[in-house]
């Protein structure tokens, strides 16, 4: 099982040779076997790479993320053939019924709020955690009463203070935005590898969003990034801080009674959601519950 997250931060050339990623910088050369890699992040624009390497990366379903000139995620590579029966998977995805999607979204929203409550417990805010517990119990199919929105307001105010706004120029927002982008890319990788389209979501339905389904499925994992943003204490958000966010993919979570690396847990979770949809049984969904 692939596990390495490779971050390329300096000017170099990336190539393919004998099943390995070859990184050349001046006279220096480093090789990493592709089967060990789950994600490659090109953190600088001063990188050149071969089309052959990109084809091999796509074939092995390795997620590669390209950053812009200010080092923020800007694009990613998604293979056209993510699964050997992808045509059948996509046909079934198009036919997902509103009733099934409503029940799945209810389960996702309920778990997201519960995980937010767990974060508040970790920081000692028991009263607000209990309030979120009550919100989670009242989530209805499709979250038609918007418990998610109400919970988010209570949650972020309790976590970051009453003067915190998601669109403010705040280091914590930089951490959240970067972390969410990395998380979304990992979900898109697993969705494509399972043969589904990232564009067709369960609840998210924005015509200009190519990652509606990834945006849906990542919701229960967002609190991992939230807690890191709360606890990291960053005063600035530059290269070293971003590497710490990326390294969260190598942190461990408890999922289904077993400890797994976050990157692998995401794959198990995504596959469980698709099983739940196919079998019309939300109890099939596996969720992380503790860092």
C-alpha atoms as a PDB file:
ATOM      1  CA  UNK A   1       0.000   0.000   0.000  1.00  0.00           C
ATOM      2  CA  UNK A   2       1.376   3.416  -0.968  1.00  0.00           C
ATOM      3  CA  UNK A   3       2.143   5.711   1.942  1.00  0.00           C
ATOM      4  CA  UNK A   4       4.720   8.349   1.057  1.00  0.00           C
ATOM      5  CA  UNK A   5       3.808  12.007   0.591  1.00  0.00           C
ATOM      6  CA  UNK A   6       6.528  13.630  -1.518  1.00  0.00           C
ATOM      7  CA  UNK A   7       6.855  17.424  -1.428  1.00  0.00           C
ATOM      8  CA  UNK A   8       9.048  19.066  -4.081  1.00  0.00           C
ATOM      9  CA  UNK A   9      10.021  22.567  -2.929  1.00  0.00           C
ATOM     10  CA  UNK A  10      13.120  23.437  -4.973  1.00  0.00           C
ATOM     11  CA  UNK A  11      13.965  23.903  -8.651  1.00  0.00           C
ATOM     12  CA  UNK A  12      14.461  20.470 -10.227  1.00  0.00           C
ATOM     13  CA  UNK A  13      13.524  18.086 -13.005  1.00  0.00           C
ATOM     14  CA  UNK A  14      11.242  15.116 -12.411  1.00  0.00           C
ATOM     15  CA  UNK A  15      11.586  12.050 -14.597  1.00  0.00           C
ATOM     16  CA  UNK A  16      10.671   8.358 -14.693  1.00  0.00           C
ATOM     17  CA  UNK A  17      13.110   5.456 -14.720  1.00  0.00           C
ATOM     18  CA  UNK A  18      12.709   1.807 -13.779  1.00  0.00           C
ATOM     19  CA  UNK A  19       9.412   2.258 -11.874  1.00  0.00           C
ATOM     20  CA  UNK A  20      10.828   5.173  -9.898  1.00  0.00           C
ATOM     21  CA  UNK A  21      10.376   8.902  -9.611  1.00  0.00           C
ATOM     22  CA  UNK A  22      13.740  10.488 -10.406  1.00  0.00           C
ATOM     23  CA  UNK A  23      14.412  13.917  -8.898  1.00  0.00           C
ATOM     24  CA  UNK A  24      17.364  15.756 -10.457  1.00  0.00           C
ATOM     25  CA  UNK A  25      18.705  19.020  -9.051  1.00  0.00           C
ATOM     26  CA  UNK A  26      22.063  20.028 -10.498  1.00  0.00           C
ATOM     27  CA  UNK A  27      24.430  17.125  -9.894  1.00  0.00           C
ATOM     28  CA  UNK A  28      22.188  15.581  -7.247  1.00  0.00           C
ATOM     29  CA  UNK A  29      19.800  12.757  -8.063  1.00  0.00           C
ATOM     30  CA  UNK A  30      17.298  10.986  -5.857  1.00  0.00           C
ATOM     31  CA  UNK A  31      14.974   8.084  -6.680  1.00  0.00           C
ATOM     32  CA  UNK A  32      11.753   7.009  -4.984  1.00  0.00           C
ATOM     33  CA  UNK A  33       9.856   3.907  -6.073  1.00  0.00           C
ATOM     34  CA  UNK A  34       6.460   4.975  -7.411  1.00  0.00           C
ATOM     35  CA  UNK A  35       4.639   2.131  -5.654  1.00  0.00           C
ATOM     36  CA  UNK A  36       5.602   3.737  -2.325  1.00  0.00           C
ATOM     37  CA  UNK A  37       4.084   7.132  -3.216  1.00  0.00           C
ATOM     38  CA  UNK A  38       0.496   8.155  -2.563  1.00  0.00           C
ATOM     39  CA  UNK A  39       0.754  11.933  -3.133  1.00  0.00           C
ATOM     40  CA  UNK A  40       3.249  14.249  -4.868  1.00  0.00           C
ATOM     41  CA  UNK A  41       3.026  17.970  -4.159  1.00  0.00           C
ATOM     42  CA  UNK A  42       4.874  20.272  -6.562  1.00  0.00           C
ATOM     43  CA  UNK A  43       5.202  23.156  -4.134  1.00  0.00           C
ATOM     44  CA  UNK A  44       7.096  25.463  -6.522  1.00  0.00           C
ATOM     45  CA  UNK A  45       6.556  26.441 -10.161  1.00  0.00           C
ATOM     46  CA  UNK A  46      10.291  25.981 -10.865  1.00  0.00           C
ATOM     47  CA  UNK A  47       9.801  22.289 -11.700  1.00  0.00           C
ATOM     48  CA  UNK A  48       9.939  20.585 -15.081  1.00  0.00           C
ATOM     49  CA  UNK A  49       8.663  17.062 -15.587  1.00  0.00           C
ATOM     50  CA  UNK A  50       8.185  14.593 -18.405  1.00  0.00           C
ATOM     51  CA  UNK A  51       4.927  13.461 -19.961  1.00  0.00           C
ATOM     52  CA  UNK A  52       6.099   9.860 -19.496  1.00  0.00           C
ATOM     53  CA  UNK A  53       6.279  10.425 -15.748  1.00  0.00           C
ATOM     54  CA  UNK A  54       2.793  11.954 -15.710  1.00  0.00           C
ATOM     55  CA  UNK A  55       1.428   8.942 -17.604  1.00  0.00           C
ATOM     56  CA  UNK A  56       2.994   6.551 -15.073  1.00  0.00           C
ATOM     57  CA  UNK A  57       1.653   8.612 -12.171  1.00  0.00           C
ATOM     58  CA  UNK A  58      -1.848   8.468 -13.643  1.00  0.00           C
ATOM     59  CA  UNK A  59      -1.547   4.727 -14.284  1.00  0.00           C
ATOM     60  CA  UNK A  60      -0.632   4.118 -10.621  1.00  0.00           C
ATOM     61  CA  UNK A  61      -3.365   6.492  -9.394  1.00  0.00           C
ATOM     62  CA  UNK A  62      -0.865   8.681  -7.557  1.00  0.00           C
ATOM     63  CA  UNK A  63      -2.272  12.093  -6.709  1.00  0.00           C
ATOM     64  CA  UNK A  64      -0.107  14.955  -7.961  1.00  0.00           C
ATOM     65  CA  UNK A  65      -0.887  18.504  -6.834  1.00  0.00           C
ATOM     66  CA  UNK A  66       0.557  21.587  -8.522  1.00  0.00           C
ATOM     67  CA  UNK A  67       0.945  24.831  -6.573  1.00  0.00           C
ATOM     68  CA  UNK A  68       0.934  28.386  -7.915  1.00  0.00           C
ATOM     69  CA  UNK A  69       3.588  31.084  -7.597  1.00  0.00           C
ATOM     70  CA  UNK A  70       2.572  31.770  -3.994  1.00  0.00           C
ATOM     71  CA  UNK A  71       2.757  28.046  -3.150  1.00  0.00           C
ATOM     72  CA  UNK A  72      -0.969  27.418  -2.790  1.00  0.00           C
ATOM     73  CA  UNK A  73      -2.611  24.358  -4.435  1.00  0.00           C
ATOM     74  CA  UNK A  74      -3.788  25.359  -7.911  1.00  0.00           C
ATOM     75  CA  UNK A  75      -4.407  22.144  -9.881  1.00  0.00           C
ATOM     76  CA  UNK A  76      -4.263  18.378  -9.665  1.00  0.00           C
ATOM     77  CA  UNK A  77      -4.002  15.402 -11.983  1.00  0.00           C
ATOM     78  CA  UNK A  78      -6.959  13.025 -12.114  1.00  0.00           C
ATOM     79  CA  UNK A  79      -6.619   9.873 -14.277  1.00  0.00           C
ATOM     80  CA  UNK A  80      -9.201   9.362 -17.037  1.00  0.00           C
ATOM     81  CA  UNK A  81      -9.390   5.643 -16.289  1.00  0.00           C
ATOM     82  CA  UNK A  82      -9.572   5.362 -12.521  1.00  0.00           C
ATOM     83  CA  UNK A  83     -11.220   1.941 -12.366  1.00  0.00           C
ATOM     84  CA  UNK A  84     -11.586  -1.000 -14.724  1.00  0.00           C
ATOM     85  CA  UNK A  85     -15.414  -0.698 -14.675  1.00  0.00           C
ATOM     86  CA  UNK A  86     -15.581   3.081 -14.420  1.00  0.00           C
ATOM     87  CA  UNK A  87     -18.287   3.364 -17.116  1.00  0.00           C
ATOM     88  CA  UNK A  88     -20.613   1.207 -15.019  1.00  0.00           C
ATOM     89  CA  UNK A  89     -19.734   3.131 -11.858  1.00  0.00           C
ATOM     90  CA  UNK A  90     -20.521   6.453 -13.541  1.00  0.00           C
ATOM     91  CA  UNK A  91     -23.840   5.155 -14.896  1.00  0.00           C
ATOM     92  CA  UNK A  92     -24.844   4.115 -11.368  1.00  0.00           C
ATOM     93  CA  UNK A  93     -23.638   7.455  -9.974  1.00  0.00           C
ATOM     94  CA  UNK A  94     -25.880   9.356 -12.385  1.00  0.00           C
ATOM     95  CA  UNK A  95     -28.834   7.249 -11.189  1.00  0.00           C
ATOM     96  CA  UNK A  96     -28.311   7.841  -7.451  1.00  0.00           C
ATOM     97  CA  UNK A  97     -31.786   8.677  -6.135  1.00  0.00           C
ATOM     98  CA  UNK A  98     -32.606  11.784  -4.147  1.00  0.00           C
ATOM     99  CA  UNK A  99     -33.770   9.603  -1.248  1.00  0.00           C
ATOM    100  CA  UNK A 100     -30.482   7.717  -1.038  1.00  0.00           C
ATOM    101  CA  UNK A 101     -28.440  10.914  -1.349  1.00  0.00           C
ATOM    102  CA  UNK A 102     -30.538  12.564   1.385  1.00  0.00           C
ATOM    103  CA  UNK A 103     -29.876   9.691   3.780  1.00  0.00           C
ATOM    104  CA  UNK A 104     -26.148   9.621   2.996  1.00  0.00           C
ATOM    105  CA  UNK A 105     -25.890  13.381   3.485  1.00  0.00           C
ATOM    106  CA  UNK A 106     -27.716  13.077   6.794  1.00  0.00           C
ATOM    107  CA  UNK A 107     -25.152  10.513   7.965  1.00  0.00           C
ATOM    108  CA  UNK A 108     -22.193  12.594   6.749  1.00  0.00           C
ATOM    109  CA  UNK A 109     -23.527  15.769   8.384  1.00  0.00           C
ATOM    110  CA  UNK A 110     -24.307  14.031  11.657  1.00  0.00           C
ATOM    111  CA  UNK A 111     -20.795  12.563  11.836  1.00  0.00           C
ATOM    112  CA  UNK A 112     -19.174  15.865  10.892  1.00  0.00           C
ATOM    113  CA  UNK A 113     -20.954  17.640  13.752  1.00  0.00           C
ATOM    114  CA  UNK A 114     -20.032  14.838  16.159  1.00  0.00           C
ATOM    115  CA  UNK A 115     -16.394  15.165  15.129  1.00  0.00           C
ATOM    116  CA  UNK A 116     -16.591  18.924  15.660  1.00  0.00           C
ATOM    117  CA  UNK A 117     -17.960  18.219  19.128  1.00  0.00           C
ATOM    118  CA  UNK A 118     -15.013  15.889  19.755  1.00  0.00           C
ATOM    119  CA  UNK A 119     -12.606  18.696  18.854  1.00  0.00           C
ATOM    120  CA  UNK A 120     -14.300  21.004  21.351  1.00  0.00           C
ATOM    121  CA  UNK A 121     -13.973  18.310  24.019  1.00  0.00           C
ATOM    122  CA  UNK A 122     -10.257  18.043  23.260  1.00  0.00           C
ATOM    123  CA  UNK A 123      -9.840  21.758  23.973  1.00  0.00           C
ATOM    124  CA  UNK A 124     -11.981  21.560  27.129  1.00  0.00           C
ATOM    125  CA  UNK A 125     -15.129  23.356  25.905  1.00  0.00           C
ATOM    126  CA  UNK A 126     -17.591  20.764  27.182  1.00  0.00           C
ATOM    127  CA  UNK A 127     -20.682  23.003  27.160  1.00  0.00           C
ATOM    128  CA  UNK A 128     -20.413  23.830  23.464  1.00  0.00           C
ATOM    129  CA  UNK A 129     -19.498  20.219  22.682  1.00  0.00           C
ATOM    130  CA  UNK A 130     -22.741  19.092  24.296  1.00  0.00           C
ATOM    131  CA  UNK A 131     -24.626  21.706  22.288  1.00  0.00           C
ATOM    132  CA  UNK A 132     -23.179  20.226  19.085  1.00  0.00           C
ATOM    133  CA  UNK A 133     -24.162  16.751  20.278  1.00  0.00           C
ATOM    134  CA  UNK A 134     -27.758  17.965  20.331  1.00  0.00           C
ATOM    135  CA  UNK A 135     -27.420  19.455  16.844  1.00  0.00           C
ATOM    136  CA  UNK A 136     -26.094  16.110  15.572  1.00  0.00           C
ATOM    137  CA  UNK A 137     -29.095  14.248  16.991  1.00  0.00           C
ATOM    138  CA  UNK A 138     -31.483  16.548  15.113  1.00  0.00           C
ATOM    139  CA  UNK A 139     -29.997  16.241  11.626  1.00  0.00           C
ATOM    140  CA  UNK A 140     -32.699  15.179   9.178  1.00  0.00           C
ATOM    141  CA  UNK A 141     -32.364  13.532   5.736  1.00  0.00           C
ATOM    142  CA  UNK A 142     -30.713  16.045   3.417  1.00  0.00           C
ATOM    143  CA  UNK A 143     -30.136  18.258   6.480  1.00  0.00           C
ATOM    144  CA  UNK A 144     -33.212  20.243   5.483  1.00  0.00           C
ATOM    145  CA  UNK A 145     -33.127  22.199   8.773  1.00  0.00           C
ATOM    146  CA  UNK A 146     -29.474  23.198   8.202  1.00  0.00           C
ATOM    147  CA  UNK A 147     -28.078  21.792  11.449  1.00  0.00           C
ATOM    148  CA  UNK A 148     -24.668  21.886   9.755  1.00  0.00           C
ATOM    149  CA  UNK A 149     -24.810  25.673   9.358  1.00  0.00           C
ATOM    150  CA  UNK A 150     -25.991  26.267  12.920  1.00  0.00           C
ATOM    151  CA  UNK A 151     -23.334  23.918  14.292  1.00  0.00           C
ATOM    152  CA  UNK A 152     -20.587  25.615  12.259  1.00  0.00           C
ATOM    153  CA  UNK A 153     -21.346  29.017  13.770  1.00  0.00           C
ATOM    154  CA  UNK A 154     -21.208  27.660  17.331  1.00  0.00           C
ATOM    155  CA  UNK A 155     -18.156  25.528  16.546  1.00  0.00           C
ATOM    156  CA  UNK A 156     -15.896  28.142  14.964  1.00  0.00           C
ATOM    157  CA  UNK A 157     -16.798  30.762  17.570  1.00  0.00           C
ATOM    158  CA  UNK A 158     -15.958  28.262  20.334  1.00  0.00           C
ATOM    159  CA  UNK A 159     -12.760  27.142  18.614  1.00  0.00           C
ATOM    160  CA  UNK A 160     -11.277  30.438  17.444  1.00  0.00           C
ATOM    161  CA  UNK A 161     -13.211  33.140  19.303  1.00  0.00           C
ATOM    162  CA  UNK A 162     -16.147  35.422  18.578  1.00  0.00           C
ATOM    163  CA  UNK A 163     -14.027  37.759  16.433  1.00  0.00           C
ATOM    164  CA  UNK A 164     -12.992  35.006  13.988  1.00  0.00           C
ATOM    165  CA  UNK A 165     -14.398  35.057  10.439  1.00  0.00           C
ATOM    166  CA  UNK A 166     -13.601  32.551   7.704  1.00  0.00           C
ATOM    167  CA  UNK A 167     -12.907  35.273   5.131  1.00  0.00           C
ATOM    168  CA  UNK A 168     -10.586  37.352   7.324  1.00  0.00           C
ATOM    169  CA  UNK A 169      -6.828  37.766   6.753  1.00  0.00           C
ATOM    170  CA  UNK A 170      -5.861  35.423   9.567  1.00  0.00           C
ATOM    171  CA  UNK A 171      -3.029  32.866   9.709  1.00  0.00           C
ATOM    172  CA  UNK A 172      -5.523  30.307  10.973  1.00  0.00           C
ATOM    173  CA  UNK A 173      -7.602  30.817   7.818  1.00  0.00           C
ATOM    174  CA  UNK A 174      -4.485  30.263   5.722  1.00  0.00           C
ATOM    175  CA  UNK A 175      -3.906  26.971   7.540  1.00  0.00           C
ATOM    176  CA  UNK A 176      -7.538  25.950   7.072  1.00  0.00           C
ATOM    177  CA  UNK A 177      -7.622  26.816   3.366  1.00  0.00           C
ATOM    178  CA  UNK A 178      -4.354  25.037   2.610  1.00  0.00           C
ATOM    179  CA  UNK A 179      -5.262  22.013   4.712  1.00  0.00           C
ATOM    180  CA  UNK A 180      -8.717  21.699   3.169  1.00  0.00           C
ATOM    181  CA  UNK A 181      -7.192  21.890  -0.334  1.00  0.00           C
ATOM    182  CA  UNK A 182      -4.740  19.070   0.428  1.00  0.00           C
ATOM    183  CA  UNK A 183      -7.517  17.031   2.020  1.00  0.00           C
ATOM    184  CA  UNK A 184      -9.814  17.576  -0.985  1.00  0.00           C
ATOM    185  CA  UNK A 185      -7.113  16.373  -3.377  1.00  0.00           C
ATOM    186  CA  UNK A 186      -6.730  13.145  -1.397  1.00  0.00           C
ATOM    187  CA  UNK A 187     -10.466  12.536  -1.580  1.00  0.00           C
ATOM    188  CA  UNK A 188     -10.503  13.237  -5.316  1.00  0.00           C
ATOM    189  CA  UNK A 189      -7.761  10.645  -5.755  1.00  0.00           C
ATOM    190  CA  UNK A 190      -9.814   7.969  -3.995  1.00  0.00           C
ATOM    191  CA  UNK A 191     -13.005   8.886  -5.862  1.00  0.00           C
ATOM    192  CA  UNK A 192     -11.267   8.591  -9.239  1.00  0.00           C
ATOM    193  CA  UNK A 193      -9.556   5.350  -8.179  1.00  0.00           C
ATOM    194  CA  UNK A 194     -12.998   3.937  -7.322  1.00  0.00           C
ATOM    195  CA  UNK A 195     -14.280   4.761 -10.818  1.00  0.00           C
ATOM    196  CA  UNK A 196     -16.588   7.677 -10.017  1.00  0.00           C
ATOM    197  CA  UNK A 197     -16.750  11.278 -11.231  1.00  0.00           C
ATOM    198  CA  UNK A 198     -15.696  14.015  -8.845  1.00  0.00           C
ATOM    199  CA  UNK A 199     -18.062  16.471 -10.553  1.00  0.00           C
ATOM    200  CA  UNK A 200     -21.334  14.772  -9.544  1.00  0.00           C
ATOM    201  CA  UNK A 201     -21.970  15.229  -5.840  1.00  0.00           C
ATOM    202  CA  UNK A 202     -24.356  14.029  -3.185  1.00  0.00           C
ATOM    203  CA  UNK A 203     -25.246  17.434  -1.744  1.00  0.00           C
ATOM    204  CA  UNK A 204     -22.806  19.869  -3.363  1.00  0.00           C
ATOM    205  CA  UNK A 205     -24.178  20.767  -6.806  1.00  0.00           C
ATOM    206  CA  UNK A 206     -22.210  23.772  -8.029  1.00  0.00           C
ATOM    207  CA  UNK A 207     -21.920  23.796 -11.823  1.00  0.00           C
ATOM    208  CA  UNK A 208     -18.537  25.529 -11.583  1.00  0.00           C
ATOM    209  CA  UNK A 209     -17.106  23.106  -8.997  1.00  0.00           C
ATOM    210  CA  UNK A 210     -15.298  20.133 -10.611  1.00  0.00           C
ATOM    211  CA  UNK A 211     -14.981  18.478  -7.192  1.00  0.00           C
ATOM    212  CA  UNK A 212     -18.538  18.391  -5.842  1.00  0.00           C
ATOM    213  CA  UNK A 213     -18.292  14.775  -4.676  1.00  0.00           C
ATOM    214  CA  UNK A 214     -14.916  15.331  -3.039  1.00  0.00           C
ATOM    215  CA  UNK A 215     -16.360  18.363  -1.264  1.00  0.00           C
ATOM    216  CA  UNK A 216     -19.157  16.133   0.074  1.00  0.00           C
ATOM    217  CA  UNK A 217     -17.040  13.251   1.287  1.00  0.00           C
ATOM    218  CA  UNK A 218     -14.316  15.300   2.974  1.00  0.00           C
ATOM    219  CA  UNK A 219     -16.760  16.987   5.360  1.00  0.00           C
ATOM    220  CA  UNK A 220     -16.330  14.552   8.241  1.00  0.00           C
ATOM    221  CA  UNK A 221     -12.530  14.905   8.057  1.00  0.00           C
ATOM    222  CA  UNK A 222     -12.405  18.714   8.130  1.00  0.00           C
ATOM    223  CA  UNK A 223     -12.176  18.838  11.952  1.00  0.00           C
ATOM    224  CA  UNK A 224      -8.715  17.241  11.712  1.00  0.00           C
ATOM    225  CA  UNK A 225      -7.532  20.381   9.925  1.00  0.00           C
ATOM    226  CA  UNK A 226      -9.536  22.601  12.296  1.00  0.00           C
ATOM    227  CA  UNK A 227      -7.870  21.156  15.381  1.00  0.00           C
ATOM    228  CA  UNK A 228      -4.432  21.538  13.831  1.00  0.00           C
ATOM    229  CA  UNK A 229      -5.148  25.188  12.977  1.00  0.00           C
ATOM    230  CA  UNK A 230      -6.219  25.733  16.585  1.00  0.00           C
ATOM    231  CA  UNK A 231      -3.243  23.998  18.191  1.00  0.00           C
ATOM    232  CA  UNK A 232      -0.323  24.765  15.856  1.00  0.00           C
ATOM    233  CA  UNK A 233       0.246  28.334  17.099  1.00  0.00           C
ATOM    234  CA  UNK A 234       1.632  29.545  13.763  1.00  0.00           C
ATOM    235  CA  UNK A 235       2.488  33.250  13.547  1.00  0.00           C
ATOM    236  CA  UNK A 236       3.135  32.982   9.806  1.00  0.00           C
ATOM    237  CA  UNK A 237       2.352  30.462   7.110  1.00  0.00           C
ATOM    238  CA  UNK A 238       5.338  29.788   4.904  1.00  0.00           C
ATOM    239  CA  UNK A 239       7.186  26.737   3.573  1.00  0.00           C
ATOM    240  CA  UNK A 240       7.953  25.009   6.876  1.00  0.00           C
ATOM    241  CA  UNK A 241       4.440  25.542   8.198  1.00  0.00           C
ATOM    242  CA  UNK A 242       2.931  24.143   5.007  1.00  0.00           C
ATOM    243  CA  UNK A 243       5.097  21.038   5.288  1.00  0.00           C
ATOM    244  CA  UNK A 244       3.656  20.448   8.746  1.00  0.00           C
ATOM    245  CA  UNK A 245       0.133  20.613   7.314  1.00  0.00           C
ATOM    246  CA  UNK A 246       1.040  18.152   4.553  1.00  0.00           C
ATOM    247  CA  UNK A 247       2.558  15.840   7.160  1.00  0.00           C
ATOM    248  CA  UNK A 248      -0.902  15.461   8.703  1.00  0.00           C
ATOM    249  CA  UNK A 249      -1.467  12.845   5.996  1.00  0.00           C
ATOM    250  CA  UNK A 250       1.060  10.730   7.882  1.00  0.00           C
ATOM    251  CA  UNK A 251      -0.704  11.196  11.219  1.00  0.00           C
ATOM    252  CA  UNK A 252      -2.798   8.359  12.600  1.00  0.00           C
ATOM    253  CA  UNK A 253      -6.523   8.151  13.214  1.00  0.00           C
ATOM    254  CA  UNK A 254      -8.635   5.441  14.779  1.00  0.00           C
ATOM    255  CA  UNK A 255     -11.011   4.098  12.161  1.00  0.00           C
ATOM    256  CA  UNK A 256     -13.235   1.062  12.554  1.00  0.00           C
ATOM    257  CA  UNK A 257     -11.410   0.109  15.732  1.00  0.00           C
ATOM    258  CA  UNK A 258      -7.969   0.136  14.099  1.00  0.00           C
ATOM    259  CA  UNK A 259      -5.233   2.762  13.933  1.00  0.00           C
ATOM    260  CA  UNK A 260      -4.367   3.827  10.384  1.00  0.00           C
ATOM    261  CA  UNK A 261      -2.464   6.591   8.649  1.00  0.00           C
ATOM    262  CA  UNK A 262      -4.854   9.371   7.676  1.00  0.00           C
ATOM    263  CA  UNK A 263      -4.088   8.923   3.979  1.00  0.00           C
ATOM    264  CA  UNK A 264      -5.123   5.252   4.135  1.00  0.00           C
ATOM    265  CA  UNK A 265      -8.115   5.990   6.357  1.00  0.00           C
ATOM    266  CA  UNK A 266      -9.469   8.345   3.693  1.00  0.00           C
ATOM    267  CA  UNK A 267      -9.434   5.497   1.177  1.00  0.00           C
ATOM    268  CA  UNK A 268     -11.263   3.145   3.546  1.00  0.00           C
ATOM    269  CA  UNK A 269     -13.843   5.809   4.323  1.00  0.00           C
ATOM    270  CA  UNK A 270     -14.510   6.678   0.652  1.00  0.00           C
ATOM    271  CA  UNK A 271     -14.981   3.044  -0.282  1.00  0.00           C
ATOM    272  CA  UNK A 272     -17.370   2.580   2.633  1.00  0.00           C
ATOM    273  CA  UNK A 273     -19.528   5.494   1.450  1.00  0.00           C
ATOM    274  CA  UNK A 274     -19.836   3.955  -2.000  1.00  0.00           C
ATOM    275  CA  UNK A 275     -20.763   0.612  -0.416  1.00  0.00           C
ATOM    276  CA  UNK A 276     -23.411   2.391   1.643  1.00  0.00           C
ATOM    277  CA  UNK A 277     -24.859   3.989  -1.488  1.00  0.00           C
ATOM    278  CA  UNK A 278     -24.827   0.728  -3.472  1.00  0.00           C
ATOM    279  CA  UNK A 279     -26.474  -1.195  -0.634  1.00  0.00           C
ATOM    280  CA  UNK A 280     -28.708   1.703   0.472  1.00  0.00           C
ATOM    281  CA  UNK A 281     -27.435   1.188   4.016  1.00  0.00           C
ATOM    282  CA  UNK A 282     -25.814   4.141   5.805  1.00  0.00           C
ATOM    283  CA  UNK A 283     -24.505   1.841   8.538  1.00  0.00           C
ATOM    284  CA  UNK A 284     -21.835   0.746   6.059  1.00  0.00           C
ATOM    285  CA  UNK A 285     -20.088   4.119   6.363  1.00  0.00           C
ATOM    286  CA  UNK A 286     -16.817   4.035   8.299  1.00  0.00           C
ATOM    287  CA  UNK A 287     -15.749   7.245  10.042  1.00  0.00           C
ATOM    288  CA  UNK A 288     -12.671   8.481  11.894  1.00  0.00           C
ATOM    289  CA  UNK A 289     -13.470   9.432  15.470  1.00  0.00           C
ATOM    290  CA  UNK A 290     -10.210  10.259  17.212  1.00  0.00           C
ATOM    291  CA  UNK A 291      -6.814  11.656  16.202  1.00  0.00           C
END
